[in-house]
Amino acid sequence: MGAPPGANGSTSGRRLPMSEHVISLLEQMLEEQKRQTSLLQQIAAQSQSLIEVMAEEEEGCNEAQLLTYLSGSPIQRGY
């Protein structure tokens, strides 16, 4: 059964053969997408781990204990 008209660039509904070059490019694109997906999954897992560690550290952190900014300069309490 042929592809519906327009599904593969054909207006008659006949299947057009793909050149080996096009097939090779599509395979390369698929491999790159798989590689990118894997990297994104790694980033997501590492981000989740970082968030969990930060949440655990924050549990023991009391705002009253914070005496300096990240730069090291003292916090001026104006109350």
N, C-alpha and C. Protein backbone atom coordinates (compact mmCIF):
# COMPACT_ATOMS: atom_id res chain seq x y z
N MET A 1 0.85 -1.17 0.00
CA MET A 1 0.00 0.00 0.00
C MET A 1 0.89 1.23 0.00
N GLY A 2 0.65 2.18 -0.87
CA GLY A 2 1.46 3.38 -0.99
C GLY A 2 1.13 4.40 0.08
N ALA A 3 2.01 5.35 0.22
CA ALA A 3 1.80 6.43 1.17
C ALA A 3 0.72 7.35 0.64
N PRO A 4 -0.01 8.02 1.53
CA PRO A 4 -1.02 8.97 1.05
C PRO A 4 -0.35 10.11 0.30
N PRO A 5 -1.08 10.74 -0.60
CA PRO A 5 -0.48 11.84 -1.37
C PRO A 5 0.15 12.88 -0.45
N GLY A 6 1.34 13.28 -0.79
CA GLY A 6 2.04 14.31 -0.03
C GLY A 6 2.83 13.80 1.16
N ALA A 7 2.64 12.55 1.57
CA ALA A 7 3.31 12.05 2.77
C ALA A 7 4.81 11.94 2.59
N ASN A 8 5.25 11.72 1.37
CA ASN A 8 6.69 11.59 1.13
C ASN A 8 7.16 12.54 0.03
N GLY A 9 6.42 13.61 -0.15
CA GLY A 9 6.80 14.58 -1.16
C GLY A 9 6.19 14.30 -2.52
N SER A 10 5.46 13.23 -2.64
CA SER A 10 4.85 12.84 -3.90
C SER A 10 3.43 13.40 -3.95
N THR A 11 3.02 13.84 -5.11
CA THR A 11 1.63 14.29 -5.26
C THR A 11 0.73 13.19 -5.79
N SER A 12 1.31 12.12 -6.28
CA SER A 12 0.51 11.04 -6.85
C SER A 12 0.25 9.92 -5.86
N GLY A 13 0.89 9.97 -4.70
CA GLY A 13 0.72 8.90 -3.72
C GLY A 13 1.70 7.76 -3.90
N ARG A 14 2.50 7.79 -4.97
CA ARG A 14 3.51 6.74 -5.18
C ARG A 14 4.69 6.98 -4.26
N ARG A 15 5.30 5.91 -3.80
CA ARG A 15 6.49 6.04 -2.97
C ARG A 15 7.66 6.42 -3.84
N LEU A 16 8.42 7.41 -3.37
CA LEU A 16 9.63 7.82 -4.07
C LEU A 16 10.82 7.20 -3.36
N PRO A 17 11.74 6.61 -4.11
CA PRO A 17 12.91 6.02 -3.45
C PRO A 17 13.79 7.11 -2.85
N MET A 18 14.27 6.85 -1.64
CA MET A 18 15.19 7.79 -0.99
C MET A 18 16.60 7.48 -1.45
N SER A 19 17.34 8.51 -1.68
CA SER A 19 18.73 8.28 -2.06
C SER A 19 19.51 7.80 -0.84
N GLU A 20 20.58 7.10 -1.09
CA GLU A 20 21.41 6.61 0.02
C GLU A 20 21.96 7.77 0.83
N HIS A 21 22.21 8.89 0.17
CA HIS A 21 22.72 10.07 0.87
C HIS A 21 21.69 10.59 1.88
N VAL A 22 20.43 10.67 1.45
CA VAL A 22 19.37 11.14 2.35
C VAL A 22 19.21 10.18 3.51
N ILE A 23 19.23 8.90 3.24
CA ILE A 23 19.10 7.89 4.30
C ILE A 23 20.25 8.03 5.29
N SER A 24 21.45 8.22 4.78
CA SER A 24 22.62 8.39 5.65
C SER A 24 22.47 9.62 6.53
N LEU A 25 22.00 10.72 5.95
CA LEU A 25 21.79 11.95 6.74
C LEU A 25 20.74 11.75 7.82
N LEU A 26 19.66 11.07 7.47
CA LEU A 26 18.61 10.80 8.46
C LEU A 26 19.13 9.92 9.60
N GLU A 27 19.93 8.93 9.26
CA GLU A 27 20.52 8.06 10.28
C GLU A 27 21.45 8.86 11.19
N GLN A 28 22.23 9.77 10.61
CA GLN A 28 23.12 10.62 11.41
C GLN A 28 22.31 11.52 12.34
N MET A 29 21.21 12.08 11.81
CA MET A 29 20.36 12.94 12.64
C MET A 29 19.77 12.15 13.80
N LEU A 30 19.32 10.93 13.53
CA LEU A 30 18.75 10.10 14.57
C LEU A 30 19.78 9.79 15.65
N GLU A 31 20.99 9.44 15.25
CA GLU A 31 22.05 9.15 16.22
C GLU A 31 22.37 10.39 17.06
N GLU A 32 22.39 11.55 16.44
CA GLU A 32 22.66 12.79 17.18
C GLU A 32 21.53 13.08 18.17
N GLN A 33 20.30 12.84 17.76
CA GLN A 33 19.17 13.05 18.67
C GLN A 33 19.25 12.08 19.85
N LYS A 34 19.65 10.85 19.60
CA LYS A 34 19.81 9.88 20.69
C LYS A 34 20.90 10.33 21.65
N ARG A 35 22.02 10.85 21.10
CA ARG A 35 23.12 11.32 21.93
C ARG A 35 22.67 12.51 22.78
N GLN A 36 21.94 13.44 22.17
CA GLN A 36 21.46 14.61 22.90
C GLN A 36 20.46 14.21 23.98
N THR A 37 19.60 13.26 23.68
CA THR A 37 18.64 12.79 24.67
C THR A 37 19.35 12.18 25.87
N SER A 38 20.38 11.40 25.61
CA SER A 38 21.16 10.80 26.69
C SER A 38 21.81 11.88 27.55
N LEU A 39 22.38 12.90 26.91
CA LEU A 39 23.01 13.99 27.67
C LEU A 39 21.98 14.74 28.50
N LEU A 40 20.81 14.99 27.93
CA LEU A 40 19.76 15.68 28.69
C LEU A 40 19.30 14.85 29.89
N GLN A 41 19.23 13.54 29.73
CA GLN A 41 18.86 12.68 30.85
C GLN A 41 19.92 12.73 31.94
N GLN A 42 21.19 12.78 31.56
CA GLN A 42 22.28 12.89 32.54
C GLN A 42 22.19 14.23 33.28
N ILE A 43 21.94 15.30 32.55
CA ILE A 43 21.81 16.62 33.17
C ILE A 43 20.65 16.63 34.15
N ALA A 44 19.53 16.05 33.76
CA ALA A 44 18.36 16.01 34.64
C ALA A 44 18.65 15.23 35.91
N ALA A 45 19.32 14.11 35.79
CA ALA A 45 19.65 13.29 36.97
C ALA A 45 20.61 14.04 37.89
N GLN A 46 21.61 14.70 37.31
CA GLN A 46 22.57 15.46 38.13
C GLN A 46 21.89 16.65 38.80
N SER A 47 20.99 17.30 38.08
CA SER A 47 20.27 18.43 38.66
C SER A 47 19.41 17.98 39.83
N GLN A 48 18.75 16.85 39.66
CA GLN A 48 17.92 16.32 40.74
C GLN A 48 18.77 16.00 41.96
N SER A 49 19.93 15.40 41.76
CA SER A 49 20.83 15.10 42.87
C SER A 49 21.28 16.38 43.56
N LEU A 50 21.62 17.39 42.79
CA LEU A 50 22.05 18.66 43.35
C LEU A 50 20.93 19.31 44.17
N ILE A 51 19.73 19.28 43.65
CA ILE A 51 18.58 19.85 44.37
C ILE A 51 18.37 19.12 45.68
N GLU A 52 18.48 17.80 45.67
CA GLU A 52 18.30 17.02 46.90
C GLU A 52 19.36 17.37 47.94
N VAL A 53 20.61 17.50 47.51
CA VAL A 53 21.70 17.86 48.43
C VAL A 53 21.46 19.25 48.99
N MET A 54 21.08 20.18 48.13
CA MET A 54 20.83 21.55 48.59
C MET A 54 19.67 21.60 49.58
N ALA A 55 18.64 20.80 49.34
CA ALA A 55 17.49 20.76 50.25
C ALA A 55 17.89 20.20 51.60
N GLU A 56 18.74 19.18 51.61
CA GLU A 56 19.21 18.61 52.87
C GLU A 56 20.04 19.63 53.64
N GLU A 57 20.89 20.37 52.94
CA GLU A 57 21.72 21.38 53.59
C GLU A 57 20.86 22.51 54.13
N GLU A 58 19.81 22.86 53.41
CA GLU A 58 18.95 23.96 53.82
C GLU A 58 18.16 23.62 55.08
N GLU A 59 17.86 22.35 55.28
CA GLU A 59 17.12 21.94 56.47
C GLU A 59 17.85 22.32 57.74
N GLY A 60 19.17 22.26 57.73
CA GLY A 60 19.95 22.59 58.91
C GLY A 60 20.35 24.05 58.97
N CYS A 61 19.95 24.81 57.98
CA CYS A 61 20.34 26.22 57.90
C CYS A 61 19.23 27.09 58.46
N ASN A 62 19.59 27.93 59.39
CA ASN A 62 18.63 28.86 59.97
C ASN A 62 19.00 30.26 59.49
N GLU A 63 18.01 31.05 59.11
CA GLU A 63 18.28 32.38 58.58
C GLU A 63 19.02 33.25 59.59
N ALA A 64 18.80 33.01 60.86
CA ALA A 64 19.48 33.80 61.89
C ALA A 64 20.99 33.52 61.88
N GLN A 65 21.40 32.37 61.36
CA GLN A 65 22.81 32.03 61.32
C GLN A 65 23.54 32.73 60.18
N LEU A 66 22.81 33.26 59.22
CA LEU A 66 23.43 33.89 58.07
C LEU A 66 23.93 35.28 58.46
N LEU A 67 25.24 35.44 58.51
CA LEU A 67 25.83 36.70 58.93
C LEU A 67 26.54 37.43 57.79
N THR A 68 26.79 36.73 56.69
CA THR A 68 27.47 37.36 55.56
C THR A 68 26.80 36.98 54.25
N TYR A 69 26.98 37.85 53.26
CA TYR A 69 26.55 37.55 51.90
C TYR A 69 27.56 36.57 51.29
N LEU A 70 27.24 36.04 50.11
CA LEU A 70 28.16 35.12 49.45
C LEU A 70 29.50 35.78 49.17
N SER A 71 29.50 37.09 49.00
CA SER A 71 30.75 37.81 48.74
C SER A 71 31.63 37.89 49.98
N GLY A 72 31.04 37.61 51.15
CA GLY A 72 31.79 37.70 52.40
C GLY A 72 31.52 38.97 53.18
N SER A 73 30.86 39.94 52.55
CA SER A 73 30.55 41.18 53.26
C SER A 73 29.44 40.93 54.28
N PRO A 74 29.50 41.63 55.43
CA PRO A 74 28.52 41.37 56.48
C PRO A 74 27.12 41.83 56.09
N ILE A 75 26.14 41.11 56.60
CA ILE A 75 24.75 41.48 56.39
C ILE A 75 24.39 42.54 57.42
N GLN A 76 23.87 43.65 56.95
CA GLN A 76 23.43 44.73 57.84
C GLN A 76 21.96 44.50 58.16
N ARG A 77 21.68 44.18 59.39
CA ARG A 77 20.29 43.97 59.81
C ARG A 77 19.72 45.32 60.22
N GLY A 78 18.66 45.73 59.54
CA GLY A 78 18.11 47.05 59.81
C GLY A 78 16.80 47.01 60.56
N TYR A 79 16.69 46.16 61.54
CA TYR A 79 15.44 46.14 62.28
C TYR A 79 15.67 46.33 63.70
